[in-house]
Amino acid sequence: MVAAAAALTYFGVRNLTVGAAGEAFANARRLARLEDFLGVAWEQGLQDALLGHHALVTLFNWIYIWGHWPVIVVAAVVLYRARPGRYLLLRNAMFLSGAIGFLFFALLPVAPPRLVDPALIDTVTQQSSSYRALQPPGLTNQFAAFPSLHFGWNLLVGIAVWGATRSVPLRVLSVLGPAAMAAAVVVTANHYVLDLAGGAAVVLVALLVVRRGQGNRRG
């Protein structure tokens, strides 16, 4: 029931933002100007450094495609079986951060850099059909770049896994996984650097709220 409600909410928000292309592109340009002001407009430089290396392009495409939903599902199943408390923390924080993200998507649509800047290349679409199979264009919101839940939810998984184990290899993966996704969403031109900051802020706020809620219930 919870998953069905979340899916219905997503499609409702998607319908609200359909036709908001002008606003989404204008917001993306404002975000790009803010990045220039802050000195973090790294998208073009990072992608230019990558494009000459086909193996690296393929690697980051794979990370972007296979390092998101498959990782989330596997981590959720393992945590559900081994550490139910951590599973509930991850699940509830994902739902809450998703609800916050939906508000941004509806009220502040932002186009991804691959659609805004002609100098940037959509490496995922050009070199792979896997992502479009996992998430067909008809079921995705093209103007939901800010905040980046693609990165944010991977960050949540990393935090949940870190807290669930003392295994050094698993803790290393819990750090490297979100870091690799952060690089992948930028170099594939799917998100601005500030989208990542927004995604991290949203999921950390959600995590704090959920943890306090769990603490109050225990009390």
Protein backbone atom coordinates (compact mmCIF):
# COMPACT_ATOMS: atom_id res chain seq x y z
CA MET A 1 0.00 0.00 0.00
CA VAL A 2 2.77 2.43 0.90
CA ALA A 3 4.63 1.71 -2.34
CA ALA A 4 1.43 2.11 -4.37
CA ALA A 5 0.69 5.46 -2.69
CA ALA A 6 4.22 6.65 -3.42
CA ALA A 7 3.91 5.63 -7.08
CA LEU A 8 0.56 7.43 -7.44
CA THR A 9 2.06 10.54 -5.85
CA TYR A 10 4.98 10.44 -8.28
CA PHE A 11 2.76 10.22 -11.34
CA GLY A 12 0.56 13.00 -9.99
CA VAL A 13 3.56 15.28 -9.57
CA ARG A 14 4.81 14.30 -13.00
CA ASN A 15 1.50 15.38 -14.51
CA LEU A 16 1.73 18.70 -12.65
CA THR A 17 5.12 19.44 -14.19
CA VAL A 18 4.30 18.33 -17.72
CA GLY A 19 4.31 21.41 -19.91
CA ALA A 20 6.53 23.38 -17.53
CA ALA A 21 9.51 23.19 -19.87
CA GLY A 22 10.01 26.96 -20.04
CA GLU A 23 10.06 27.28 -16.27
CA ALA A 24 12.31 24.23 -15.89
CA PHE A 25 14.86 25.57 -18.37
CA ALA A 26 14.79 29.04 -16.77
CA ASN A 27 15.37 27.53 -13.32
CA ALA A 28 18.23 25.41 -14.68
CA ARG A 29 19.92 28.50 -16.11
CA ARG A 30 19.55 30.28 -12.76
CA LEU A 31 21.12 27.29 -11.05
CA ALA A 32 23.99 27.33 -13.56
CA ARG A 33 24.59 31.04 -12.89
CA LEU A 34 24.64 30.35 -9.15
CA GLU A 35 27.22 27.62 -9.72
CA ASP A 36 29.36 30.08 -11.69
CA PHE A 37 29.11 32.55 -8.81
CA LEU A 38 30.08 29.87 -6.26
CA GLY A 39 32.86 28.47 -8.45
CA VAL A 40 31.39 24.96 -8.62
CA ALA A 41 30.32 24.83 -12.29
CA TRP A 42 32.32 21.65 -12.88
CA GLU A 43 29.99 19.76 -15.24
CA GLN A 44 31.68 20.73 -18.52
CA GLY A 45 35.23 20.27 -17.29
CA LEU A 46 34.55 16.88 -15.74
CA GLN A 47 32.77 15.57 -18.82
CA ASP A 48 35.45 16.91 -21.18
CA ALA A 49 38.09 15.05 -19.15
CA LEU A 50 36.05 11.85 -19.43
CA LEU A 51 34.97 11.79 -23.06
CA GLY A 52 38.35 10.82 -24.44
CA HIS A 53 38.29 7.59 -22.44
CA HIS A 54 35.61 5.20 -23.69
CA ALA A 55 36.12 2.73 -20.83
CA LEU A 56 35.52 5.45 -18.24
CA VAL A 57 32.44 6.72 -20.03
CA THR A 58 31.04 3.18 -20.03
CA LEU A 59 31.95 2.74 -16.36
CA PHE A 60 30.13 5.87 -15.25
CA ASN A 61 27.15 5.04 -17.44
CA TRP A 62 26.94 1.65 -15.73
CA ILE A 63 27.25 3.24 -12.31
CA TYR A 64 24.44 5.65 -13.17
CA ILE A 65 22.20 2.85 -14.49
CA TRP A 66 22.98 -0.15 -12.31
CA GLY A 67 24.22 1.59 -9.19
CA HIS A 68 20.88 3.11 -8.25
CA TRP A 69 17.70 0.99 -8.11
CA PRO A 70 19.46 -2.40 -8.12
CA VAL A 71 21.68 -1.28 -5.22
CA ILE A 72 18.74 0.18 -3.30
CA VAL A 73 16.68 -3.00 -3.72
CA VAL A 74 19.51 -5.34 -2.71
CA ALA A 75 20.43 -3.20 0.30
CA ALA A 76 16.80 -2.99 1.41
CA VAL A 77 16.31 -6.77 1.17
CA VAL A 78 19.51 -7.52 3.09
CA LEU A 79 18.73 -4.95 5.78
CA TYR A 80 15.16 -6.22 6.09
CA ARG A 81 16.45 -9.71 6.81
CA ALA A 82 19.53 -8.87 8.89
CA ARG A 83 18.87 -5.49 10.51
CA PRO A 84 15.12 -4.67 10.49
CA GLY A 85 15.64 -1.47 12.47
CA ARG A 86 18.04 -0.12 9.86
CA TYR A 87 15.69 -1.22 7.10
CA LEU A 88 12.85 0.79 8.65
CA LEU A 89 15.14 3.81 8.99
CA LEU A 90 16.11 3.57 5.32
CA ARG A 91 12.55 2.98 4.12
CA ASN A 92 10.98 5.79 6.11
CA ALA A 93 13.74 8.26 5.25
CA MET A 94 13.37 7.41 1.56
CA PHE A 95 9.61 8.00 1.66
CA LEU A 96 9.94 11.28 3.56
CA SER A 97 12.75 12.60 1.38
CA GLY A 98 10.78 11.50 -1.68
CA ALA A 99 7.79 13.53 -0.48
CA ILE A 100 10.01 16.58 0.01
CA GLY A 101 11.55 16.01 -3.40
CA PHE A 102 8.10 15.81 -4.99
CA LEU A 103 7.33 19.30 -3.66
CA PHE A 104 10.46 20.64 -5.33
CA PHE A 105 9.66 18.85 -8.58
CA ALA A 106 6.16 20.36 -8.63
CA LEU A 107 7.01 23.86 -7.43
CA LEU A 108 10.55 24.29 -8.75
CA PRO A 109 11.03 22.14 -11.87
CA VAL A 110 14.63 22.10 -13.09
CA ALA A 111 15.82 20.68 -16.40
CA PRO A 112 19.01 18.55 -16.35
CA PRO A 113 22.18 20.01 -17.88
CA ARG A 114 22.06 17.51 -20.76
CA LEU A 115 18.91 19.26 -22.00
CA VAL A 116 20.04 22.81 -21.31
CA ASP A 117 23.67 23.04 -22.40
CA PRO A 118 24.33 21.96 -26.01
CA ALA A 119 28.01 21.50 -25.16
CA LEU A 120 27.15 18.63 -22.81
CA ILE A 121 26.45 15.10 -24.04
CA ASP A 122 23.83 12.71 -22.70
CA THR A 123 26.25 9.79 -22.54
CA VAL A 124 23.69 7.42 -21.00
CA THR A 125 21.18 7.76 -23.84
CA GLN A 126 23.79 7.84 -26.59
CA GLN A 127 25.72 4.79 -25.45
CA SER A 128 23.27 2.59 -23.56
CA SER A 129 19.71 1.35 -23.87
CA SER A 130 19.66 -0.28 -20.43
CA TYR A 131 18.58 2.82 -18.53
CA ARG A 132 15.67 3.51 -20.84
CA ALA A 133 14.59 -0.11 -20.30
CA LEU A 134 14.73 0.27 -16.52
CA GLN A 135 13.04 3.68 -16.59
CA PRO A 136 11.13 4.28 -19.84
CA PRO A 137 10.90 7.99 -20.77
CA GLY A 138 7.13 7.87 -20.41
CA LEU A 139 7.47 7.01 -16.72
CA THR A 140 10.13 9.56 -15.82
CA ASN A 141 10.02 13.25 -15.02
CA GLN A 142 12.50 15.06 -17.27
CA PHE A 143 12.31 18.20 -15.13
CA ALA A 144 13.08 16.65 -11.73
CA ALA A 145 16.80 17.38 -11.58
CA PHE A 146 16.73 19.32 -8.29
CA PRO A 147 17.17 17.89 -5.74
CA SER A 148 19.00 14.81 -7.00
CA LEU A 149 17.35 11.86 -5.30
CA HIS A 150 19.34 9.67 -7.68
CA PHE A 151 22.35 10.63 -5.57
CA GLY A 152 20.49 11.32 -2.33
CA TRP A 153 18.95 7.88 -2.01
CA ASN A 154 22.32 6.25 -2.67
CA LEU A 155 23.68 8.41 0.14
CA LEU A 156 20.89 7.14 2.40
CA VAL A 157 21.79 3.54 1.53
CA GLY A 158 25.42 4.24 2.36
CA ILE A 159 24.49 5.72 5.74
CA ALA A 160 22.17 2.80 6.54
CA VAL A 161 24.78 0.20 5.59
CA TRP A 162 27.53 1.99 7.54
CA GLY A 163 25.41 1.95 10.68
CA ALA A 164 24.35 -1.66 10.22
CA THR A 165 27.78 -3.28 10.07
CA ARG A 166 31.32 -3.14 11.45
CA SER A 167 32.74 -4.88 8.38
CA VAL A 168 35.51 -2.73 6.93
CA PRO A 169 34.89 -3.77 3.29
CA LEU A 170 31.17 -3.03 3.59
CA ARG A 171 31.85 0.31 5.22
CA VAL A 172 34.29 1.19 2.45
CA LEU A 173 31.60 0.33 -0.11
CA SER A 174 29.07 2.42 1.82
CA VAL A 175 31.33 5.43 1.25
CA LEU A 176 32.58 4.67 -2.26
CA GLY A 177 29.10 3.86 -3.59
CA PRO A 178 27.54 7.29 -3.01
CA ALA A 179 30.79 8.99 -4.07
CA ALA A 180 30.80 7.08 -7.35
CA MET A 181 27.15 7.96 -7.95
CA ALA A 182 27.85 11.63 -7.24
CA ALA A 183 30.51 11.60 -9.96
CA ALA A 184 28.32 9.59 -12.35
CA VAL A 185 25.28 11.88 -12.25
CA VAL A 186 27.48 14.90 -13.03
CA VAL A 187 29.76 13.48 -15.74
CA THR A 188 26.78 11.96 -17.58
CA ALA A 189 25.19 15.46 -17.62
CA ASN A 190 22.09 14.32 -15.75
CA HIS A 191 22.56 16.64 -12.76
CA TYR A 192 24.22 19.89 -11.79
CA VAL A 193 26.65 19.91 -8.87
CA LEU A 194 24.12 21.88 -6.83
CA ASP A 195 21.51 19.18 -7.51
CA LEU A 196 23.73 16.88 -5.45
CA ALA A 197 23.91 19.38 -2.61
CA GLY A 198 20.13 19.67 -2.68
CA GLY A 199 19.72 15.90 -2.69
CA ALA A 200 22.08 15.47 0.25
CA ALA A 201 20.31 18.20 2.24
CA VAL A 202 16.86 16.69 1.63
CA VAL A 203 17.79 13.14 2.61
CA LEU A 204 19.76 14.26 5.69
CA VAL A 205 16.82 16.33 6.91
CA ALA A 206 14.51 13.36 6.31
CA LEU A 207 16.90 11.04 8.14
CA LEU A 208 17.06 13.39 11.12
CA VAL A 209 13.27 13.65 11.31
CA VAL A 210 12.80 9.87 11.05
CA ARG A 211 15.46 9.15 13.69
CA ARG A 212 13.89 11.63 16.10
CA GLY A 213 10.49 10.09 15.44
CA GLN A 214 11.80 6.62 16.19
CA GLY A 215 13.50 7.90 19.33
CA ASN A 216 10.27 9.53 20.54
CA ARG A 217 8.32 6.31 19.98
CA ARG A 218 10.89 4.33 21.94
CA GLY A 219 10.74 6.90 24.71
